[in-house]
Amino acid sequence: MTESSDVAYRDLAFRKILDDVMSKQRKNELDLDRLFAKDDAFYQAFFDTMKRMVG
């Protein structure tokens, strides 16, 4: 393997890792948004927790 193919392979592997991480993060944020918008008990608990943290 040449040095340039090593770099290309590392870039490809890093790109896959980054894409996987971002996909998981996006899913987590969508799950949070869904709970926040549609689950009254979650919303109230979240609200109370945030209020305690800032006050």
Protein backbone atom coordinates (compact mmCIF):
# COMPACT_ATOMS: atom_id res chain seq x y z
CA MET A 1 0.00 0.00 0.00
CA THR A 2 1.23 3.48 -0.77
CA GLU A 3 1.15 6.37 1.63
CA SER A 4 -1.60 8.09 -0.37
CA SER A 5 -3.77 4.97 -0.30
CA ASP A 6 -3.20 4.74 3.49
CA VAL A 7 -4.42 8.33 3.84
CA ALA A 8 -7.41 7.64 1.60
CA TYR A 9 -8.29 4.53 3.63
CA ARG A 10 -8.02 6.43 6.91
CA ASP A 11 -10.19 9.22 5.51
CA LEU A 12 -12.80 6.70 4.38
CA ALA A 13 -12.80 4.94 7.77
CA PHE A 14 -13.03 8.28 9.61
CA ARG A 15 -15.87 9.41 7.34
CA LYS A 16 -17.84 6.25 8.20
CA ILE A 17 -17.26 6.72 11.93
CA LEU A 18 -18.31 10.37 11.73
CA ASP A 19 -21.43 9.51 9.70
CA ASP A 20 -22.40 6.85 12.27
CA VAL A 21 -21.90 9.23 15.20
CA MET A 22 -23.93 11.98 13.54
CA SER A 23 -26.71 9.55 12.65
CA LYS A 24 -26.97 8.41 16.27
CA GLN A 25 -26.90 12.01 17.50
CA ARG A 26 -29.67 12.98 15.07
CA LYS A 27 -31.79 10.04 16.27
CA ASN A 28 -31.27 11.04 19.91
CA GLU A 29 -32.30 14.60 19.17
CA LEU A 30 -35.39 13.47 17.27
CA ASP A 31 -36.35 11.19 20.16
CA LEU A 32 -35.93 14.08 22.61
CA ASP A 33 -37.95 16.42 20.41
CA ARG A 34 -40.72 13.84 20.10
CA LEU A 35 -40.89 13.39 23.87
CA PHE A 36 -40.75 17.13 24.49
CA ALA A 37 -43.58 17.84 22.05
CA LYS A 38 -45.91 14.92 22.75
CA ASP A 39 -45.39 13.60 26.28
CA ASP A 40 -46.88 15.92 28.90
CA ALA A 41 -45.27 14.09 31.84
CA PHE A 42 -41.85 14.25 30.17
CA TYR A 43 -42.34 17.93 29.35
CA GLN A 44 -43.24 18.76 32.94
CA ALA A 45 -40.33 16.77 34.37
CA PHE A 46 -37.94 18.39 31.87
CA PHE A 47 -39.34 21.84 32.67
CA ASP A 48 -38.98 21.28 36.42
CA THR A 49 -35.42 20.00 36.04
CA MET A 50 -34.34 22.93 33.86
CA LYS A 51 -36.00 25.39 36.24
CA ARG A 52 -34.10 23.87 39.21
CA MET A 53 -30.84 24.05 37.27
CA VAL A 54 -31.10 27.75 36.48
CA GLY A 55 -32.75 28.93 39.64
